[in-house]
Amino acid sequence: MKFLIVGLGNIGEEYKDTRHNIGFTVLDAMALASNISFTDRRYGAVCSIRYKGRELILLKPSTFMNLSGNAVSYWLKKEKIPVKNMLVIVDDIALPPGSIRMRPKGSDGGHNGLAHISNILATNEYPRIRIGIGNSFRKGAQRDFVLSSWDQEEKKFMQERISIVIKMIRSFAFAGLELTMTAFNKAGKVPTPVKESGQEKPLPK
């Protein structure tokens, strides 16, 4: 049984390890844990991981975020993978940093990558994992924020959260969507920072 695991992001060194590239970061960590390297293929960097009889094809689109649907459509067709066996990993400014939420379908929430995938596939009914990157930016500065890098404390915390996402990906392939959501969505929540005297309380480490 095959699964397409898509991590959304932008190619290029200037985007590496930025908040918007959390999808790439997750897949890089997953490939590293399996001692497997990505190969540049049509529409993206690709590698294949075997897990308990399942084949997980990891895809990092090279189309840039706004055209992610082109890569997704091509690899779904090439590998003859049904949409229900696809899982998209994406950043979400509406969730607290490090919060993890798995859903079977949904709107794009203003995310250009998800919007293009939904448009090309003519459906928004495909599984996705949203990873919170927060929204601590001033009005009009969203682009700069999502394309900024994590500081060292944030990066350490996100590495811990990424390990949970990897477990969710494996569970999705082996146990299925519903059981994975039941097992992980509650654990994936991170409290929203609460402001006290004009200062935000730090997130738990």
C-alpha atoms as a PDB file:
ATOM      1  CA  MET A   1       0.000   0.000   0.000  1.00  0.00           C
ATOM      2  CA  LYS A   2       1.350   3.420  -1.007  1.00  0.00           C
ATOM      3  CA  PHE A   3       1.004   6.818   0.663  1.00  0.00           C
ATOM      4  CA  LEU A   4       2.074  10.251  -0.542  1.00  0.00           C
ATOM      5  CA  ILE A   5       3.364  12.457   2.273  1.00  0.00           C
ATOM      6  CA  VAL A   6       3.681  16.061   1.113  1.00  0.00           C
ATOM      7  CA  GLY A   7       5.623  18.663   3.074  1.00  0.00           C
ATOM      8  CA  LEU A   8       4.916  22.189   1.870  1.00  0.00           C
ATOM      9  CA  GLY A   9       7.633  24.816   1.584  1.00  0.00           C
ATOM     10  CA  ASN A  10       9.750  26.883  -0.772  1.00  0.00           C
ATOM     11  CA  ILE A  11      13.000  25.754  -2.368  1.00  0.00           C
ATOM     12  CA  GLY A  12      16.231  27.684  -1.914  1.00  0.00           C
ATOM     13  CA  GLU A  13      18.693  28.325   0.903  1.00  0.00           C
ATOM     14  CA  GLU A  14      17.003  31.610   1.829  1.00  0.00           C
ATOM     15  CA  TYR A  15      13.874  29.691   2.847  1.00  0.00           C
ATOM     16  CA  LYS A  16      15.563  26.815   4.690  1.00  0.00           C
ATOM     17  CA  ASP A  17      14.402  26.366   8.304  1.00  0.00           C
ATOM     18  CA  THR A  18      11.896  29.220   8.071  1.00  0.00           C
ATOM     19  CA  ARG A  19       8.466  29.021   9.669  1.00  0.00           C
ATOM     20  CA  HIS A  20       6.727  28.686   6.297  1.00  0.00           C
ATOM     21  CA  ASN A  21       8.958  25.706   5.462  1.00  0.00           C
ATOM     22  CA  ILE A  22       7.967  23.553   8.421  1.00  0.00           C
ATOM     23  CA  GLY A  23       6.601  20.938   6.002  1.00  0.00           C
ATOM     24  CA  PHE A  24      10.048  20.550   4.424  1.00  0.00           C
ATOM     25  CA  THR A  25      11.651  20.457   7.871  1.00  0.00           C
ATOM     26  CA  VAL A  26       9.418  17.596   9.001  1.00  0.00           C
ATOM     27  CA  LEU A  27      10.173  15.477   5.930  1.00  0.00           C
ATOM     28  CA  ASP A  28      13.906  16.195   6.175  1.00  0.00           C
ATOM     29  CA  ALA A  29      13.854  14.959   9.779  1.00  0.00           C
ATOM     30  CA  MET A  30      11.860  11.875   8.813  1.00  0.00           C
ATOM     31  CA  ALA A  31      14.235  10.981   5.984  1.00  0.00           C
ATOM     32  CA  LEU A  32      17.257  11.534   8.230  1.00  0.00           C
ATOM     33  CA  ALA A  33      15.783   9.238  10.892  1.00  0.00           C
ATOM     34  CA  SER A  34      15.488   6.527   8.227  1.00  0.00           C
ATOM     35  CA  ASN A  35      18.977   7.243   6.829  1.00  0.00           C
ATOM     36  CA  ILE A  36      17.467   8.019   3.416  1.00  0.00           C
ATOM     37  CA  SER A  37      18.273  10.927   1.111  1.00  0.00           C
ATOM     38  CA  PHE A  38      16.011  12.894  -1.200  1.00  0.00           C
ATOM     39  CA  THR A  39      16.523  12.808  -4.963  1.00  0.00           C
ATOM     40  CA  ASP A  40      15.606  15.678  -7.254  1.00  0.00           C
ATOM     41  CA  ARG A  41      12.826  14.467  -9.519  1.00  0.00           C
ATOM     42  CA  ARG A  42      10.128  16.092 -11.612  1.00  0.00           C
ATOM     43  CA  TYR A  43       8.257  18.761  -9.615  1.00  0.00           C
ATOM     44  CA  GLY A  44      10.122  18.026  -6.408  1.00  0.00           C
ATOM     45  CA  ALA A  45      12.586  16.231  -4.176  1.00  0.00           C
ATOM     46  CA  VAL A  46      11.419  12.690  -3.465  1.00  0.00           C
ATOM     47  CA  CYS A  47      12.378   9.687  -1.371  1.00  0.00           C
ATOM     48  CA  SER A  48      10.648   6.468  -0.346  1.00  0.00           C
ATOM     49  CA  ILE A  49      10.439   4.943   3.126  1.00  0.00           C
ATOM     50  CA  ARG A  50       9.147   1.491   4.044  1.00  0.00           C
ATOM     51  CA  TYR A  51       7.172   1.210   7.272  1.00  0.00           C
ATOM     52  CA  LYS A  52       5.430  -1.976   8.429  1.00  0.00           C
ATOM     53  CA  GLY A  53       4.607  -3.089   4.904  1.00  0.00           C
ATOM     54  CA  ARG A  54       3.604   0.384   3.724  1.00  0.00           C
ATOM     55  CA  GLU A  55       5.498   2.532   1.245  1.00  0.00           C
ATOM     56  CA  LEU A  56       5.640   6.190   2.168  1.00  0.00           C
ATOM     57  CA  ILE A  57       6.666   8.474  -0.685  1.00  0.00           C
ATOM     58  CA  LEU A  58       7.895  11.764   0.755  1.00  0.00           C
ATOM     59  CA  LEU A  59       7.538  14.781  -1.525  1.00  0.00           C
ATOM     60  CA  LYS A  60       8.971  18.288  -1.150  1.00  0.00           C
ATOM     61  CA  PRO A  61       7.535  20.224  -4.111  1.00  0.00           C
ATOM     62  CA  SER A  62       9.993  22.325  -6.115  1.00  0.00           C
ATOM     63  CA  THR A  63       7.202  24.403  -7.635  1.00  0.00           C
ATOM     64  CA  PHE A  64       7.286  27.006  -4.837  1.00  0.00           C
ATOM     65  CA  MET A  65       4.441  27.185  -2.360  1.00  0.00           C
ATOM     66  CA  ASN A  66       1.837  28.884  -4.552  1.00  0.00           C
ATOM     67  CA  LEU A  67       1.982  26.120  -7.196  1.00  0.00           C
ATOM     68  CA  SER A  68       2.185  23.110  -4.869  1.00  0.00           C
ATOM     69  CA  GLY A  69      -0.834  21.479  -6.530  1.00  0.00           C
ATOM     70  CA  ASN A  70       1.134  20.799  -9.713  1.00  0.00           C
ATOM     71  CA  ALA A  71       3.603  18.591  -7.867  1.00  0.00           C
ATOM     72  CA  VAL A  72       0.912  16.878  -5.808  1.00  0.00           C
ATOM     73  CA  SER A  73      -1.236  16.073  -8.839  1.00  0.00           C
ATOM     74  CA  TYR A  74       1.705  14.701 -10.809  1.00  0.00           C
ATOM     75  CA  TRP A  75       2.934  12.362  -8.064  1.00  0.00           C
ATOM     76  CA  LEU A  76      -0.520  11.128  -7.140  1.00  0.00           C
ATOM     77  CA  LYS A  77      -1.054  10.110 -10.763  1.00  0.00           C
ATOM     78  CA  LYS A  78       2.453   8.754 -11.310  1.00  0.00           C
ATOM     79  CA  GLU A  79       2.339   6.502  -8.251  1.00  0.00           C
ATOM     80  CA  LYS A  80      -1.384   5.733  -8.627  1.00  0.00           C
ATOM     81  CA  ILE A  81      -2.110   6.855  -5.081  1.00  0.00           C
ATOM     82  CA  PRO A  82      -5.694   7.739  -4.081  1.00  0.00           C
ATOM     83  CA  VAL A  83      -6.238  11.158  -2.509  1.00  0.00           C
ATOM     84  CA  LYS A  84      -7.334   9.514   0.759  1.00  0.00           C
ATOM     85  CA  ASN A  85      -3.790   8.108   1.037  1.00  0.00           C
ATOM     86  CA  MET A  86      -2.217  11.550   0.768  1.00  0.00           C
ATOM     87  CA  LEU A  87      -1.198  13.578   3.805  1.00  0.00           C
ATOM     88  CA  VAL A  88      -0.129  17.230   3.575  1.00  0.00           C
ATOM     89  CA  ILE A  89       2.094  18.831   6.228  1.00  0.00           C
ATOM     90  CA  VAL A  90       1.614  22.595   6.414  1.00  0.00           C
ATOM     91  CA  ASP A  91       2.269  25.635   8.618  1.00  0.00           C
ATOM     92  CA  ASP A  92      -0.611  27.512  10.250  1.00  0.00           C
ATOM     93  CA  ILE A  93      -0.454  31.040  11.690  1.00  0.00           C
ATOM     94  CA  ALA A  94      -3.828  30.531  13.399  1.00  0.00           C
ATOM     95  CA  LEU A  95      -2.357  27.958  15.818  1.00  0.00           C
ATOM     96  CA  PRO A  96       0.066  28.598  18.698  1.00  0.00           C
ATOM     97  CA  PRO A  97       3.693  27.728  17.887  1.00  0.00           C
ATOM     98  CA  GLY A  98       4.174  23.975  18.022  1.00  0.00           C
ATOM     99  CA  SER A  99       0.491  23.113  18.197  1.00  0.00           C
ATOM    100  CA  ILE A 100      -0.366  20.159  15.957  1.00  0.00           C
ATOM    101  CA  ARG A 101      -3.776  19.488  14.465  1.00  0.00           C
ATOM    102  CA  MET A 102      -4.742  16.694  12.070  1.00  0.00           C
ATOM    103  CA  ARG A 103      -7.876  16.995   9.948  1.00  0.00           C
ATOM    104  CA  PRO A 104      -9.489  14.824   7.233  1.00  0.00           C
ATOM    105  CA  LYS A 105     -10.431  17.871   5.131  1.00  0.00           C
ATOM    106  CA  GLY A 106     -11.056  21.604   5.397  1.00  0.00           C
ATOM    107  CA  SER A 107     -10.643  25.046   3.908  1.00  0.00           C
ATOM    108  CA  ASP A 108      -7.241  26.397   2.954  1.00  0.00           C
ATOM    109  CA  GLY A 109      -7.432  28.960   5.787  1.00  0.00           C
ATOM    110  CA  GLY A 110      -5.729  31.517   3.591  1.00  0.00           C
ATOM    111  CA  HIS A 111      -2.721  29.264   2.948  1.00  0.00           C
ATOM    112  CA  ASN A 112      -1.674  29.577  -0.705  1.00  0.00           C
ATOM    113  CA  GLY A 113      -0.167  26.105  -0.870  1.00  0.00           C
ATOM    114  CA  LEU A 114      -3.322  24.390   0.340  1.00  0.00           C
ATOM    115  CA  ALA A 115      -5.440  26.647  -1.875  1.00  0.00           C
ATOM    116  CA  HIS A 116      -3.554  25.585  -4.991  1.00  0.00           C
ATOM    117  CA  ILE A 117      -3.695  21.893  -4.087  1.00  0.00           C
ATOM    118  CA  SER A 118      -7.458  22.110  -3.530  1.00  0.00           C
ATOM    119  CA  ASN A 119      -7.906  23.980  -6.792  1.00  0.00           C
ATOM    120  CA  ILE A 120      -5.877  21.514  -8.875  1.00  0.00           C
ATOM    121  CA  LEU A 121      -7.447  18.438  -7.279  1.00  0.00           C
ATOM    122  CA  ALA A 122     -10.919  20.059  -7.335  1.00  0.00           C
ATOM    123  CA  THR A 123     -11.476  19.013  -3.725  1.00  0.00           C
ATOM    124  CA  ASN A 124     -10.452  20.026  -0.211  1.00  0.00           C
ATOM    125  CA  GLU A 125     -11.221  16.562   1.135  1.00  0.00           C
ATOM    126  CA  TYR A 126      -7.721  15.288   1.777  1.00  0.00           C
ATOM    127  CA  PRO A 127      -5.932  14.691   5.107  1.00  0.00           C
ATOM    128  CA  ARG A 128      -3.585  17.339   6.431  1.00  0.00           C
ATOM    129  CA  ILE A 129      -1.518  18.104   9.520  1.00  0.00           C
ATOM    130  CA  ARG A 130      -1.384  21.780  10.456  1.00  0.00           C
ATOM    131  CA  ILE A 131       1.567  22.878  12.573  1.00  0.00           C
ATOM    132  CA  GLY A 132       1.215  26.152  14.445  1.00  0.00           C
ATOM    133  CA  ILE A 133       3.833  28.823  13.828  1.00  0.00           C
ATOM    134  CA  GLY A 134       2.057  31.586  15.752  1.00  0.00           C
ATOM    135  CA  ASN A 135       1.046  35.061  14.626  1.00  0.00           C
ATOM    136  CA  SER A 136       3.221  37.428  16.617  1.00  0.00           C
ATOM    137  CA  PHE A 137       3.665  39.959  13.850  1.00  0.00           C
ATOM    138  CA  ARG A 138       2.481  43.522  13.418  1.00  0.00           C
ATOM    139  CA  LYS A 139      -0.158  44.425  10.846  1.00  0.00           C
ATOM    140  CA  GLY A 140       1.179  44.139   7.311  1.00  0.00           C
ATOM    141  CA  ALA A 141       4.221  42.094   8.356  1.00  0.00           C
ATOM    142  CA  GLN A 142       2.821  38.581   7.880  1.00  0.00           C
ATOM    143  CA  ARG A 143       5.037  37.752   4.898  1.00  0.00           C
ATOM    144  CA  ASP A 144       8.226  38.727   6.713  1.00  0.00           C
ATOM    145  CA  PHE A 145       7.129  36.749   9.760  1.00  0.00           C
ATOM    146  CA  VAL A 146       6.346  33.474   8.003  1.00  0.00           C
ATOM    147  CA  LEU A 147       9.589  33.701   6.020  1.00  0.00           C
ATOM    148  CA  SER A 148      11.660  34.362   9.152  1.00  0.00           C
ATOM    149  CA  SER A 149      13.773  31.738  10.903  1.00  0.00           C
ATOM    150  CA  TRP A 150      13.146  30.254  14.328  1.00  0.00           C
ATOM    151  CA  ASP A 151      15.303  31.514  17.163  1.00  0.00           C
ATOM    152  CA  GLN A 152      17.340  28.916  19.056  1.00  0.00           C
ATOM    153  CA  GLU A 153      14.792  28.362  21.839  1.00  0.00           C
ATOM    154  CA  GLU A 154      11.936  28.041  19.340  1.00  0.00           C
ATOM    155  CA  LYS A 155      13.975  25.692  17.173  1.00  0.00           C
ATOM    156  CA  LYS A 156      14.669  23.352  20.098  1.00  0.00           C
ATOM    157  CA  PHE A 157      10.988  23.308  21.033  1.00  0.00           C
ATOM    158  CA  MET A 158       9.906  22.705  17.419  1.00  0.00           C
ATOM    159  CA  GLN A 159      12.300  19.779  17.094  1.00  0.00           C
ATOM    160  CA  GLU A 160      10.426  18.098  19.926  1.00  0.00           C
ATOM    161  CA  ARG A 161       7.107  18.788  18.204  1.00  0.00           C
ATOM    162  CA  ILE A 162       8.400  17.494  14.870  1.00  0.00           C
ATOM    163  CA  SER A 163       9.096  14.111  16.490  1.00  0.00           C
ATOM    164  CA  ILE A 164       5.373  13.907  17.305  1.00  0.00           C
ATOM    165  CA  VAL A 165       4.429  14.771  13.713  1.00  0.00           C
ATOM    166  CA  ILE A 166       6.659  11.965  12.430  1.00  0.00           C
ATOM    167  CA  LYS A 167       4.886   9.508  14.727  1.00  0.00           C
ATOM    168  CA  MET A 168       1.562  10.783  13.372  1.00  0.00           C
ATOM    169  CA  ILE A 169       2.671  10.240   9.774  1.00  0.00           C
ATOM    170  CA  ARG A 170       3.652   6.659  10.506  1.00  0.00           C
ATOM    171  CA  SER A 171       0.407   6.074  12.389  1.00  0.00           C
ATOM    172  CA  PHE A 172      -1.594   7.512   9.497  1.00  0.00           C
ATOM    173  CA  ALA A 173      -0.049   4.986   7.118  1.00  0.00           C
ATOM    174  CA  PHE A 174      -0.375   2.015   9.458  1.00  0.00           C
ATOM    175  CA  ALA A 175      -3.447   2.644  11.635  1.00  0.00           C
ATOM    176  CA  GLY A 176      -5.435   5.093   9.519  1.00  0.00           C
ATOM    177  CA  LEU A 177      -6.677   8.654   9.805  1.00  0.00           C
ATOM    178  CA  GLU A 178      -9.364   8.320  12.479  1.00  0.00           C
ATOM    179  CA  LEU A 179      -7.269   6.350  14.950  1.00  0.00           C
ATOM    180  CA  THR A 180      -4.355   8.728  14.447  1.00  0.00           C
ATOM    181  CA  MET A 181      -6.499  11.794  15.134  1.00  0.00           C
ATOM    182  CA  THR A 182      -7.911  10.161  18.258  1.00  0.00           C
ATOM    183  CA  ALA A 183      -4.472   9.200  19.510  1.00  0.00           C
ATOM    184  CA  PHE A 184      -2.584  12.404  18.767  1.00  0.00           C
ATOM    185  CA  ASN A 185      -4.767  15.496  18.377  1.00  0.00           C
ATOM    186  CA  LYS A 186      -5.215  16.049  22.105  1.00  0.00           C
ATOM    187  CA  ALA A 187      -1.512  15.581  22.766  1.00  0.00           C
ATOM    188  CA  GLY A 188      -0.714  17.944  19.915  1.00  0.00           C
ATOM    189  CA  LYS A 189      -2.331  20.966  21.524  1.00  0.00           C
ATOM    190  CA  VAL A 190      -0.214  23.761  22.936  1.00  0.00           C
ATOM    191  CA  PRO A 191      -1.831  26.452  25.120  1.00  0.00           C
ATOM    192  CA  THR A 192      -2.168  29.908  23.586  1.00  0.00           C
ATOM    193  CA  PRO A 193       0.207  32.335  25.335  1.00  0.00           C
ATOM    194  CA  VAL A 194      -1.613  34.506  27.888  1.00  0.00           C
ATOM    195  CA  LYS A 195      -0.645  38.163  28.174  1.00  0.00           C
ATOM    196  CA  GLU A 196       0.160  39.442  31.659  1.00  0.00           C
ATOM    197  CA  SER A 197       1.035  43.084  32.215  1.00  0.00           C
ATOM    198  CA  GLY A 198       1.639  43.521  28.527  1.00  0.00           C
ATOM    199  CA  GLN A 199       3.926  40.491  28.348  1.00  0.00           C
ATOM    200  CA  GLU A 200       3.228  37.065  26.935  1.00  0.00           C
ATOM    201  CA  LYS A 201       3.693  34.071  29.183  1.00  0.00           C
ATOM    202  CA  PRO A 202       6.175  31.692  27.535  1.00  0.00           C
ATOM    203  CA  LEU A 203       4.955  28.459  26.042  1.00  0.00           C
ATOM    204  CA  PRO A 204       5.771  25.274  27.963  1.00  0.00           C
ATOM    205  CA  LYS A 205       9.110  23.720  27.122  1.00  0.00           C
END
